[in-house]
Amino acid sequence: MNTINTFPADSTYSRRRVAFIVTAVVMLILVLDQWLKIWIKTHMEVGQEFSLLGQSWMRIHFVENEGMAYGLSLGGKTGKLILTLFRFGAIGFLIYLMRKMIREGYAVGLLIFFAMIIGGAIGNLLDSIFYGVIFDDPGYHGGVAKLFPPEGGYGKLLYGRVVDMLYFPILDFHWPDWMPIVGGQRFEFFRPVFNLADSCITTGILGILLFYRKHFFGMSKKEISKTSPAPSSPE
């Protein structure tokens, strides 16, 4: 069982060390996520794709969306603005919660999962805030998008489109014609196209639910500590 407390809450050295680790995780996610998105935008046209490692079910497929993770959307400019502002608030709350958890000596593993969620959320937020300003719309000139075009971007601040490119249709087939209702129809799994930020958010949430679920389902930190191994001393 994972322990929630792994270092004394009054240990400045430990707090700084853990803060460095989670900050590094967030920054690494942001660098990789933005590098990949900018490369995709400046090297591929929307709808273009290629396979990875020669596997048809592992693809880079460039799409853009106005909304949430995995291509979900609230619809319209108003929904886009609401979503962007919600992301601001959610990220601010998660950072506040992260700082509080570091001060109280929560497990590094739990904090790393939180850092993955924060890094992914910020990564998609950067698309929404800046991409409409720093990229043009290749529909005007064909080809790929230009970064920092002299004529300006395709939209306004806070109205950028999120870049997605990871596409893993592990199963892709047509149901037999003799089957009722779905006969002859195409079945595809996994259908959504997503990005590195989306995958980090999902991994962080699943990690918390799998390894730290008791903390989030009614068991207090004190109760968990009683049933967990004794905390190790800081190095």
Foldseek 3Di string as FASTA:
>chain_A
DDAFAFEALPDPVQLVVLVVVLVVLLVVLLVVQVVVQVCCQAAHDQQDKDADPPDPQWMFHKHWELDDFLRDFPDDPVRSLVRLVVLVVVLVVLVVVLSVSSSRRTDSLLSNLSSLQSSLSVNQSCQQFPQQWQWADCVVPHDGIDGNDPVTGNDHGRRGIGIFTTGGFPDWDQADQPDPPRHRHIDTPPGGTGTSSSVSSVVSVVSCCVPVVCCVPPQPSVNSCVVDDDHDYDD
